[in-house]
Structures are given as C-alpha cells and as structure tokens.
Amino acid sequence: MGDSFYPLLGNSGYDVLHYDIDLDVEPSANTIDAVTTLTAVAAADLAAFNLDFHGLNVSRVAVNGTETGFSRDGQELTIELVEPISSGAQFTVAVSYSGTPQPIDDPGVPYKALGWHSDQGVIYTASEPSGSMTWYPSNNHPTDKANFTFRITVPDGVTAAATGLLTDEISANGRTTTTWQMNDPMATYLAAVYIGDFERHEQRLDNGLLIRDYVPRGSDASVLDSLAVAPEAIRFFEEILGPYPFDAYGTIVMPFPLGFALENQTLSIHGPDTVYPYVIAHEVIHQWMGDSVTVDDWSHIWLHEGFAHYLGLMFIADFTGQELEALMAGEHLELTAAETSPPGAIQAHELFDFNTVYRRGALTLHALHTLVGDDLFFSIVRTHYDQSAGGNTNTDLFLEIVDDLAGTGAVSLVESWLYDPEMPGIVSGPTL
C-alpha cells in the first residue's frame, strides 16, 4: 500500500468488503482453530494476491470455494489462483489455520508486543498498528476498511466479547458460540477479541445508544462508577462533532494493569491503571478521530493522537471546571523542558511519542483555535470529521480545510507547529 513507515503492510490489487472470522478458542491452552473468510473486489486482474499473516499453521486456502495453492514468506501469505480473477469481480478467500498466536514486535511500539495476548487467564488483542495479522489474515492497512463478523467459541462459563454488536449466542456440548457484527467500516488494527471471566453491564443513553461495559467478575462498584465518565464524554463530543459514529460503545477493563489503553472500535480496552476521566475520554474521542476517520499513512498519526489529546483536555476542562488555557500552558511548559520532534515529521519509532505526537499535536490545534476563535475552529474540526467519516484522511487534506475556511495565515501557523524543528511560542489571541 506504499505506507511510509510500514511498506510491507497491506496489499494492492483488491479491496476487502467483509471479514468473517470464526475462532474456536481453548483459553487454558491459548490455542485456536480458525477460519477467516474475506469477501473482496479485485481492483486489477489477479493471477495471485497476498494477505498479511504472521505465524500460525495454515492448513487450507479456498478461493470461491475451490481449494488453491499458497506459499508463505515472513508475514506474506501468497494465494496462487487456479483461475485468474478479473478486475471488478467479487470473490471470497477462506483461510483455515490453527495454533497458538504469538504477539509481534513493532518498531513503532517499542514498549509492547502487538496482537494476540494471553495473560493471567485472560486473552485480549491490542493490535495498533500491525498486530492484527497475528490472529487473522487480512489486508492489514487502514486504507482498506471493511465490515466484520466474529464467531467466538469458548468453554461454557467463559465470557467472549468482540468489537461490534452481540447478535447471537448458542451453547451446545459444553461450549458457547457468540456472534458479533461490526456494521460500519473498520480498519484491521481496530478489530478486537476479549476472552476471560468478565461481567457484562448494559445501559442505553437518552438517544438510544447502547453502552456495554465488561469488568472482571466480582469487581468493586467503583470500577463501574469510574466508567460513567464515558457517556458524559460521548455527549460532550457529540456537541462538537455530531452523532456518535457507531452502533454501540463500551469499555473492557482487564483484571491487571496494562500500562496503556486502546480505542478498539466500539469496545476500548483499559487496565485498572487507566480507568480515570482523561484516558476514558481520550479513547472515546478516538471513536470519531482515529476509528471513523483514520489516517491513510501511519506518518500522519498526529491527526489521531493530537486531536484525541486536545479534545480530551477540552472535555477535562469542562468536566472539572478547569481553564483550558491553564491546561494548555502546562502542556507547553512540559514541551519546553523536553527535546521533541515536530509531529508532522516524525520517524517510525516516534509513532506514539507522547511529547511529540500527543502534546505538540494538541498544541498545534490549540494554536489554531486561539488564532481563529471558537466558531471558526469548531467549523474546521467538524468539516475535517465530516469530510472523511468512515474513511481516511491525511495532513494535506486537513490543511486544505484550514486554508478554505481560515486562509493562508492559519495554514502557515499550523505548518510551523507541525514542521518547524524549534517549537513556536503560544499564540496570544484571535487575530483573524
């Protein structure tokens, strides 16, 4: 797909419409027996094509129901077609595989292996940006979004959850199969599965939005009390960006600290160490900025994390009664004391650098906000979201919106924050 940081992720030549992921899981052994079926449309005449898939044992590949040959080279699974597929034709490819999924190291996330994890009796997935290929074959790049169906079979009494809506649950012969449907386009890294001893708690907001949270069985009531911030954050961000973009939202809390939280689409993952208002709000805003609107190249990650950090701090200011200006002055002071790169010119290992990508990305938006004032700033943000909802964006597209709505002076300011090696000073007030 030509990604700046991940040239091996993704494959051209086809567009995936739907993933059907059927997982039979034995949690105690951390093994799976699985079939993933992709429905796709050829974007070119195909004599062969690749999927991203790491580890696990592939036993069979079938295209349009006919078994076909395949080969493997690192993370590339090459499908060798019996009959060529013509450009524009829809086709299916079913991959049967089994084994113990192993997380992988990623240069952009040096602090955590990515993908499928089994820890203290719990299975969870945390895949941004590359880890989804540890547990299902895919076109593993955010520019090829698709709908998903998950069928997860586990022993009776074990909870299985996934991103999307729970649509079916069947028990037979000591095992339970739950079916989950993601009806909105989703990038592969945002697909997630969680298996363990969890309790499900549901509520509906005034607008009918389903909130379903999962907490370790027997959790103290304070855990659910903490998660009550999420509906407040959803209401706050809807005022800025419009209706919540998916069918449901919720949080799953692990029974042990993770050291991170992640905005898997519709069902964010937290440890008890991140269940506090700012991080909860940060993962909520990602449902708009990161999940619905997703960068088309990982080098533009500031558009996820800068927006989530800034709008998350806006929520905290409103939620706690603090002054946004005071919060942002604190962010600027932290950056002044740190050595950082500009967020628009990062290297792969800086993908989630907090100072560079989160803080300076947020201060970029705050500088624009201060320059143009509330009305114009929120118009820019809403236009940025509306233009790419359900799809992809990049920095150039954002700057075009800034130019159209606020002019070249605003573009120059944003570019100085994104690209200048030295950090600009704080903007004093609206001048446009």
Protein backbone atom coordinates (compact mmCIF):
# COMPACT_ATOMS: atom_id res chain seq x y z
CA MET A 1 0.00 0.00 0.00
CA GLY A 2 3.08 2.24 -0.01
CA ASP A 3 2.94 3.25 3.65
CA SER A 4 5.83 5.49 4.71
CA PHE A 5 6.53 3.59 7.93
CA TYR A 6 5.17 0.13 7.10
CA PRO A 7 5.92 -0.68 3.44
CA LEU A 8 5.13 -4.38 3.96
CA LEU A 9 1.69 -3.81 5.48
CA GLY A 10 -1.29 -4.04 3.18
CA ASN A 11 -1.59 -5.29 -0.36
CA SER A 12 -2.80 -3.61 -3.53
CA GLY A 13 -4.94 -5.28 -6.19
CA TYR A 14 -8.11 -5.81 -4.18
CA ASP A 15 -10.49 -4.16 -1.74
CA VAL A 16 -11.87 -6.18 1.19
CA LEU A 17 -15.60 -5.70 1.82
CA HIS A 18 -16.09 -8.10 4.72
CA TYR A 19 -14.20 -10.34 7.13
CA ASP A 20 -15.88 -13.41 8.63
CA ILE A 21 -13.65 -14.57 11.50
CA ASP A 22 -14.59 -17.90 13.07
CA LEU A 23 -12.45 -18.65 16.14
CA ASP A 24 -12.68 -21.83 18.24
CA VAL A 25 -10.58 -20.96 21.29
CA GLU A 26 -9.22 -23.11 24.09
CA PRO A 27 -8.29 -20.41 26.63
CA SER A 28 -6.42 -22.66 29.07
CA ALA A 29 -4.02 -23.77 26.32
CA ASN A 30 -4.14 -20.47 24.39
CA THR A 31 -4.84 -22.29 21.13
CA ILE A 32 -7.21 -21.50 18.29
CA ASP A 33 -8.71 -23.45 15.41
CA ALA A 34 -9.96 -20.83 12.98
CA VAL A 35 -11.32 -19.97 9.56
CA THR A 36 -11.24 -16.41 8.26
CA THR A 37 -13.20 -15.73 5.09
CA LEU A 38 -12.64 -12.48 3.21
CA THR A 39 -15.08 -11.12 0.65
CA ALA A 40 -13.28 -8.75 -1.67
CA VAL A 41 -13.43 -7.00 -5.03
CA ALA A 42 -10.49 -7.18 -7.41
CA ALA A 43 -9.06 -3.75 -8.24
CA ALA A 44 -6.92 -5.24 -11.02
CA ASP A 45 -6.66 -8.51 -12.93
CA LEU A 46 -5.26 -11.01 -10.42
CA ALA A 47 -3.23 -14.15 -11.06
CA ALA A 48 -2.19 -14.19 -7.39
CA PHE A 49 -2.52 -11.93 -4.37
CA ASN A 50 -1.15 -11.58 -0.85
CA LEU A 51 -2.60 -11.40 2.64
CA ASP A 52 -0.77 -10.25 5.76
CA PHE A 53 -0.49 -13.16 8.19
CA HIS A 54 2.15 -13.91 10.80
CA GLY A 55 2.76 -17.29 12.43
CA LEU A 56 0.10 -19.99 12.98
CA ASN A 57 -0.30 -23.03 10.76
CA VAL A 58 -2.29 -22.65 7.54
CA SER A 59 -3.90 -25.92 6.51
CA ARG A 60 -6.14 -24.91 3.64
CA VAL A 61 -6.95 -21.96 1.37
CA ALA A 62 -10.01 -21.86 -0.87
CA VAL A 63 -10.98 -19.15 -3.38
CA ASN A 64 -14.66 -19.06 -4.32
CA GLY A 65 -14.99 -22.47 -2.67
CA THR A 66 -12.20 -24.13 -4.65
CA GLU A 67 -9.06 -25.21 -2.82
CA THR A 68 -5.97 -23.48 -4.15
CA GLY A 69 -2.24 -23.36 -3.54
CA PHE A 70 -0.46 -20.95 -1.26
CA SER A 71 3.01 -20.08 -0.06
CA ARG A 72 4.42 -18.12 2.86
CA ASP A 73 7.34 -15.74 3.23
CA GLY A 74 7.55 -13.95 6.57
CA GLN A 75 4.28 -12.07 7.07
CA GLU A 76 3.20 -12.56 3.44
CA LEU A 77 0.67 -15.28 2.62
CA THR A 78 0.55 -15.60 -1.18
CA ILE A 79 -2.59 -17.07 -2.70
CA GLU A 80 -1.92 -18.84 -6.01
CA LEU A 81 -5.09 -18.74 -8.09
CA VAL A 82 -6.31 -21.70 -10.13
CA GLU A 83 -8.26 -19.30 -12.35
CA PRO A 84 -7.39 -15.59 -12.70
CA ILE A 85 -9.79 -13.06 -11.19
CA SER A 86 -10.81 -10.18 -13.43
CA SER A 87 -10.74 -6.57 -12.30
CA GLY A 88 -14.10 -5.63 -10.77
CA ALA A 89 -15.04 -9.21 -9.88
CA GLN A 90 -16.12 -10.07 -6.35
CA PHE A 91 -14.54 -13.14 -4.78
CA THR A 92 -14.08 -14.94 -1.46
CA VAL A 93 -10.97 -16.45 0.06
CA ALA A 94 -11.22 -18.73 3.09
CA VAL A 95 -8.08 -19.46 5.12
CA SER A 96 -8.12 -22.33 7.65
CA TYR A 97 -5.44 -22.15 10.34
CA SER A 98 -4.60 -23.19 13.90
CA GLY A 99 -2.05 -22.96 16.67
CA THR A 100 -1.02 -20.55 19.39
CA PRO A 101 -0.99 -16.91 18.26
CA GLN A 102 2.18 -15.06 19.19
CA PRO A 103 2.40 -11.27 19.60
CA ILE A 104 4.98 -9.49 17.46
CA ASP A 105 7.47 -6.70 17.99
CA ASP A 106 6.78 -3.46 16.13
CA PRO A 107 9.33 -0.64 15.69
CA GLY A 108 6.62 1.96 16.30
CA VAL A 109 5.63 0.49 19.67
CA PRO A 110 8.86 -0.41 21.49
CA TYR A 111 7.15 -0.79 24.87
CA LYS A 112 4.62 -3.51 23.97
CA ALA A 113 4.40 -6.56 21.72
CA LEU A 114 1.33 -6.37 19.49
CA GLY A 115 -1.54 -8.64 18.58
CA TRP A 116 -2.94 -11.62 20.47
CA HIS A 117 -2.06 -11.83 24.18
CA SER A 118 -2.75 -14.46 26.82
CA ASP A 119 -2.08 -13.24 30.36
CA GLN A 120 -3.30 -14.40 33.78
CA GLY A 121 -6.20 -16.37 32.35
CA VAL A 122 -7.34 -13.58 30.01
CA ILE A 123 -7.00 -13.36 26.24
CA TYR A 124 -7.06 -9.93 24.63
CA THR A 125 -5.91 -8.30 21.41
CA ALA A 126 -4.09 -4.97 21.11
CA SER A 127 -3.01 -4.52 17.52
CA GLU A 128 -2.25 -0.91 16.59
CA PRO A 129 -0.68 -0.64 14.09
CA SER A 130 0.45 -4.08 12.84
CA GLY A 131 -0.66 -6.77 15.30
CA SER A 132 -3.94 -7.97 13.79
CA MET A 133 -2.03 -10.29 11.45
CA THR A 134 -1.05 -12.39 14.50
CA TRP A 135 -4.58 -13.80 14.75
CA TYR A 136 -6.31 -13.40 11.39
CA PRO A 137 -5.18 -12.98 7.75
CA SER A 138 -6.02 -9.58 6.33
CA ASN A 139 -5.20 -6.65 4.12
CA ASN A 140 -3.54 -5.06 7.11
CA HIS A 141 -3.58 -1.35 6.34
CA PRO A 142 -6.08 1.33 7.46
CA THR A 143 -6.88 2.38 3.88
CA ASP A 144 -8.73 -0.91 3.34
CA LYS A 145 -11.58 -0.81 5.82
CA ALA A 146 -14.30 -3.46 5.87
CA ASN A 147 -17.26 -4.79 7.84
CA PHE A 148 -16.65 -7.72 10.21
CA THR A 149 -18.42 -10.75 11.64
CA PHE A 150 -16.83 -12.56 14.59
CA ARG A 151 -17.90 -16.01 15.82
CA ILE A 152 -16.06 -16.95 19.00
CA THR A 153 -16.46 -20.41 20.55
CA VAL A 154 -15.22 -20.92 24.11
CA PRO A 155 -15.99 -23.26 27.03
CA ASP A 156 -19.29 -22.63 28.82
CA GLY A 157 -18.91 -20.08 31.60
CA VAL A 158 -16.17 -18.13 29.84
CA THR A 159 -17.07 -14.66 28.52
CA ALA A 160 -16.14 -13.82 24.94
CA ALA A 161 -16.55 -10.30 23.59
CA ALA A 162 -15.57 -8.53 20.38
CA THR A 163 -15.86 -5.20 18.65
CA GLY A 164 -19.35 -4.61 17.26
CA LEU A 165 -22.81 -5.74 18.35
CA LEU A 166 -23.57 -9.07 20.00
CA THR A 167 -26.14 -10.67 17.67
CA ASP A 168 -26.30 -14.34 18.72
CA GLU A 169 -25.31 -16.74 21.50
CA ILE A 170 -25.64 -20.53 21.27
CA SER A 171 -24.49 -23.18 23.75
CA ALA A 172 -24.05 -26.87 22.95
CA ASN A 173 -21.82 -29.71 24.16
CA GLY A 174 -20.16 -27.63 26.84
CA ARG A 175 -19.16 -24.77 24.55
CA THR A 176 -20.73 -21.40 23.75
CA THR A 177 -20.53 -19.51 20.49
CA THR A 178 -21.15 -15.78 20.41
CA THR A 179 -21.56 -13.84 17.17
CA TRP A 180 -20.58 -10.20 16.84
CA GLN A 181 -21.29 -7.91 13.92
CA MET A 182 -19.44 -4.71 13.01
CA ASN A 183 -21.73 -2.97 10.55
CA ASP A 184 -19.52 0.06 9.96
CA PRO A 185 -16.19 0.20 8.12
CA MET A 186 -13.34 -0.77 10.43
CA ALA A 187 -9.58 -0.78 9.96
CA THR A 188 -7.98 -4.15 10.63
CA TYR A 189 -5.97 -2.95 13.64
CA LEU A 190 -9.17 -1.91 15.46
CA ALA A 191 -10.74 -5.39 15.37
CA ALA A 192 -10.53 -6.96 18.83
CA VAL A 193 -11.41 -10.10 20.77
CA TYR A 194 -11.50 -10.46 24.56
CA ILE A 195 -11.92 -13.75 26.47
CA GLY A 196 -12.00 -14.29 30.23
CA ASP A 197 -14.06 -14.12 33.40
CA PHE A 198 -15.95 -10.86 32.84
CA GLU A 199 -19.36 -9.45 33.73
CA ARG A 200 -21.32 -7.50 31.10
CA HIS A 201 -23.20 -4.36 32.18
CA GLU A 202 -25.55 -2.54 29.80
CA GLN A 203 -27.30 0.81 29.68
CA ARG A 204 -28.80 2.98 26.99
CA LEU A 205 -28.31 6.71 26.72
CA ASP A 206 -31.22 9.07 26.18
CA ASN A 207 -30.63 8.89 22.42
CA GLY A 208 -30.80 5.08 22.48
CA LEU A 209 -27.06 4.43 22.13
CA LEU A 210 -26.10 1.10 23.69
CA ILE A 211 -23.29 1.24 26.26
CA ARG A 212 -21.96 -2.18 27.25
CA ASP A 213 -19.05 -2.47 29.63
CA TYR A 214 -17.13 -5.54 30.74
CA VAL A 215 -15.41 -5.71 34.11
CA PRO A 216 -13.73 -8.61 35.93
CA ARG A 217 -16.30 -10.72 37.71
CA GLY A 218 -16.75 -9.56 41.27
CA SER A 219 -15.29 -6.11 40.64
CA ASP A 220 -15.86 -3.37 43.16
CA ALA A 221 -18.69 -1.00 42.23
CA SER A 222 -16.16 1.81 41.97
CA VAL A 223 -14.93 0.40 38.64
CA LEU A 224 -18.34 0.87 37.02
CA ASP A 225 -18.67 4.25 38.72
CA SER A 226 -15.43 5.31 37.03
CA LEU A 227 -16.70 4.19 33.63
CA ALA A 228 -19.70 6.51 33.99
CA VAL A 229 -17.45 9.23 32.58
CA ALA A 230 -17.75 7.69 29.09
CA PRO A 231 -21.41 8.67 28.49
CA GLU A 232 -20.59 12.20 29.64
CA ALA A 233 -17.70 12.32 27.19
CA ILE A 234 -19.88 11.00 24.35
CA ARG A 235 -22.42 13.77 24.94
CA PHE A 236 -19.64 16.38 25.06
CA PHE A 237 -18.02 15.25 21.81
CA GLU A 238 -21.35 14.93 20.03
CA GLU A 239 -21.79 18.67 20.58
CA ILE A 240 -18.55 19.25 18.67
CA LEU A 241 -18.57 16.52 16.02
CA GLY A 242 -22.14 15.33 15.66
CA PRO A 243 -23.67 11.93 16.48
CA TYR A 244 -21.52 9.12 17.81
CA PRO A 245 -20.46 7.21 14.69
CA PHE A 246 -21.18 3.57 15.61
CA ASP A 247 -23.93 1.28 16.96
CA ALA A 248 -22.54 0.93 20.48
CA TYR A 249 -19.72 1.88 22.80
CA GLY A 250 -18.15 0.36 25.86
CA THR A 251 -15.03 -0.38 27.83
CA ILE A 252 -13.50 -3.67 28.89
CA VAL A 253 -11.33 -3.49 31.99
CA MET A 254 -8.60 -6.10 32.42
CA PRO A 255 -8.03 -7.61 35.89
CA PHE A 256 -4.42 -6.41 35.80
CA PRO A 257 -2.58 -3.20 34.81
CA LEU A 258 -1.75 -2.84 31.11
CA GLY A 259 0.29 0.34 31.08
CA PHE A 260 -1.82 1.62 28.17
CA ALA A 261 -5.38 1.93 26.88
CA LEU A 262 -6.52 1.38 23.29
CA GLU A 263 -9.55 2.59 21.35
CA ASN A 264 -10.58 -0.67 19.64
CA GLN A 265 -13.65 0.28 17.63
CA THR A 266 -16.75 0.36 19.91
CA LEU A 267 -15.03 -1.51 22.79
CA SER A 268 -11.94 0.18 24.22
CA ILE A 269 -9.53 -1.77 26.40
CA HIS A 270 -8.24 -0.45 29.72
CA GLY A 271 -6.41 -1.79 32.73
CA PRO A 272 -7.34 -0.59 36.22
CA ASP A 273 -4.38 1.80 35.93
CA THR A 274 -6.06 3.83 33.15
CA VAL A 275 -9.68 3.95 34.34
CA TYR A 276 -9.73 7.66 35.07
CA PRO A 277 -11.51 10.54 33.30
CA TYR A 278 -8.86 11.85 30.92
CA VAL A 279 -7.88 8.44 29.49
CA ILE A 280 -11.51 7.30 29.27
CA ALA A 281 -12.38 10.48 27.36
CA HIS A 282 -9.29 10.10 25.16
CA GLU A 283 -10.41 6.64 23.99
CA VAL A 284 -13.97 7.89 23.48
CA ILE A 285 -12.93 10.74 21.17
CA HIS A 286 -10.86 8.27 19.16
CA GLN A 287 -14.11 6.68 18.03
CA TRP A 288 -14.56 9.77 15.86
CA MET A 289 -10.91 10.74 15.36
CA GLY A 290 -8.93 7.61 14.61
CA ASP A 291 -11.62 4.97 14.20
CA SER A 292 -14.24 6.60 11.95
CA VAL A 293 -11.68 9.00 10.42
CA THR A 294 -8.40 7.13 10.04
CA VAL A 295 -5.10 8.26 8.56
CA ASP A 296 -4.14 6.88 5.15
CA ASP A 297 -0.47 6.67 6.12
CA TRP A 298 0.91 6.00 9.59
CA SER A 299 3.22 9.02 9.34
CA HIS A 300 0.12 11.23 9.86
CA ILE A 301 -0.64 9.74 13.30
CA TRP A 302 -0.78 13.20 14.89
CA LEU A 303 -4.24 13.52 13.34
CA HIS A 304 -5.35 10.72 15.68
CA GLU A 305 -3.43 11.48 18.82
CA GLY A 306 -3.19 15.28 18.62
CA PHE A 307 -6.96 15.54 18.18
CA ALA A 308 -7.65 12.98 20.92
CA HIS A 309 -5.30 14.70 23.36
CA TYR A 310 -6.62 18.20 22.67
CA LEU A 311 -10.32 17.38 22.62
CA GLY A 312 -9.78 15.09 25.60
CA LEU A 313 -8.28 18.03 27.52
CA MET A 314 -11.20 20.20 26.42
CA PHE A 315 -13.53 17.65 27.97
CA ILE A 316 -11.49 17.55 31.19
CA ALA A 317 -11.56 21.34 31.41
CA ASP A 318 -15.35 21.28 31.09
CA PHE A 319 -15.78 18.23 33.35
CA THR A 320 -13.64 19.58 36.19
CA GLY A 321 -14.16 23.29 35.82
CA GLN A 322 -10.53 23.98 34.99
CA GLU A 323 -9.46 26.58 32.45
CA LEU A 324 -8.41 25.15 29.09
CA GLU A 325 -5.80 27.89 28.74
CA ALA A 326 -4.19 26.82 32.01
CA LEU A 327 -4.11 23.18 30.92
CA MET A 328 -2.53 24.08 27.59
CA ALA A 329 0.01 26.39 29.24
CA GLY A 330 1.03 23.39 31.31
CA GLU A 331 1.37 21.29 28.16
CA HIS A 332 3.54 23.99 26.57
CA LEU A 333 5.72 24.15 29.68
CA GLU A 334 6.22 20.37 29.61
CA LEU A 335 7.28 20.55 25.96
CA THR A 336 9.63 23.45 26.59
CA ALA A 337 11.53 21.28 29.04
CA ALA A 338 11.68 18.30 26.67
CA GLU A 339 13.51 17.57 23.43
CA THR A 340 10.88 16.83 20.82
CA SER A 341 10.48 16.47 17.08
CA PRO A 342 7.75 18.24 15.14
CA PRO A 343 4.70 15.93 14.83
CA GLY A 344 4.44 16.29 11.06
CA ALA A 345 7.96 14.98 10.50
CA ILE A 346 8.30 12.02 12.87
CA GLN A 347 10.22 8.80 12.38
CA ALA A 348 8.61 5.37 12.79
CA HIS A 349 9.97 4.91 16.33
CA GLU A 350 8.22 8.15 17.37
CA LEU A 351 4.78 6.90 16.34
CA PHE A 352 3.40 7.17 19.88
CA ASP A 353 5.88 9.61 21.38
CA PHE A 354 3.77 11.46 23.93
CA ASN A 355 5.55 14.79 23.78
CA THR A 356 5.98 14.92 20.02
CA VAL A 357 2.75 13.40 18.71
CA TYR A 358 0.25 13.94 21.51
CA ARG A 359 1.35 17.14 23.20
CA ARG A 360 2.74 19.08 20.26
CA GLY A 361 -0.10 17.76 18.09
CA ALA A 362 -2.58 19.11 20.64
CA LEU A 363 -0.74 22.42 20.91
CA THR A 364 -0.90 22.69 17.10
CA LEU A 365 -4.67 22.56 17.33
CA HIS A 366 -4.72 24.90 20.32
CA ALA A 367 -2.66 27.47 18.41
CA LEU A 368 -5.13 27.27 15.54
CA HIS A 369 -8.05 27.50 17.98
CA THR A 370 -6.55 30.58 19.65
CA LEU A 371 -5.82 32.24 16.31
CA VAL A 372 -9.26 31.80 14.70
CA GLY A 373 -11.62 31.71 17.70
CA ASP A 374 -14.27 29.19 18.74
CA ASP A 375 -16.72 29.38 15.85
CA LEU A 376 -14.19 29.02 13.06
CA PHE A 377 -12.13 26.42 14.90
CA PHE A 378 -15.09 24.15 15.54
CA SER A 379 -16.19 24.61 11.94
CA ILE A 380 -12.75 23.42 10.80
CA VAL A 381 -12.85 20.41 13.13
CA ARG A 382 -16.38 19.43 12.13
CA THR A 383 -15.57 19.79 8.42
CA HIS A 384 -12.44 17.66 8.87
CA TYR A 385 -14.53 14.95 10.50
CA ASP A 386 -17.49 15.11 8.12
CA GLN A 387 -15.29 15.05 5.03
CA SER A 388 -13.65 11.72 5.91
CA ALA A 389 -16.10 9.95 8.26
CA GLY A 390 -15.97 6.22 7.63
CA GLY A 391 -12.82 6.64 5.54
CA ASN A 392 -9.32 8.08 5.54
CA THR A 393 -7.53 11.39 5.76
CA ASN A 394 -4.07 12.95 5.89
CA THR A 395 -2.35 16.19 6.85
CA ASP A 396 -2.64 17.75 3.39
CA LEU A 397 -6.42 17.25 3.41
CA PHE A 398 -6.64 18.86 6.84
CA LEU A 399 -4.55 21.84 5.71
CA GLU A 400 -6.80 22.28 2.66
CA ILE A 401 -9.75 22.67 5.03
CA VAL A 402 -7.83 25.15 7.16
CA ASP A 403 -6.95 27.10 4.01
CA ASP A 404 -10.52 27.09 2.70
CA LEU A 405 -12.07 28.21 5.99
CA ALA A 406 -9.37 30.32 7.65
CA GLY A 407 -6.86 31.29 4.96
CA THR A 408 -3.13 31.10 4.36
CA GLY A 409 -2.16 32.74 7.65
CA ALA A 410 -3.79 29.93 9.59
CA VAL A 411 -2.13 27.35 7.34
CA SER A 412 1.28 28.91 7.98
CA LEU A 413 0.70 28.79 11.72
CA VAL A 414 -0.33 25.12 11.65
CA GLU A 415 2.61 24.22 9.44
CA SER A 416 5.04 25.94 11.81
CA TRP A 417 3.78 23.77 14.67
CA LEU A 418 3.82 20.63 12.54
CA TYR A 419 7.16 21.00 10.82
CA ASP A 420 9.46 23.60 12.40
CA PRO A 421 12.31 22.00 14.39
CA GLU A 422 12.01 24.67 17.07
CA MET A 423 8.70 24.83 18.91
CA PRO A 424 6.73 28.05 18.28
CA GLY A 425 5.55 30.23 21.12
CA ILE A 426 2.00 30.32 22.43
CA VAL A 427 -0.45 32.33 20.29
CA SER A 428 -1.78 35.24 22.33
CA GLY A 429 -5.31 35.55 20.94
CA PRO A 430 -7.57 35.64 17.88
CA THR A 431 -6.18 37.71 15.02
CA LEU A 432 -8.32 36.55 12.10
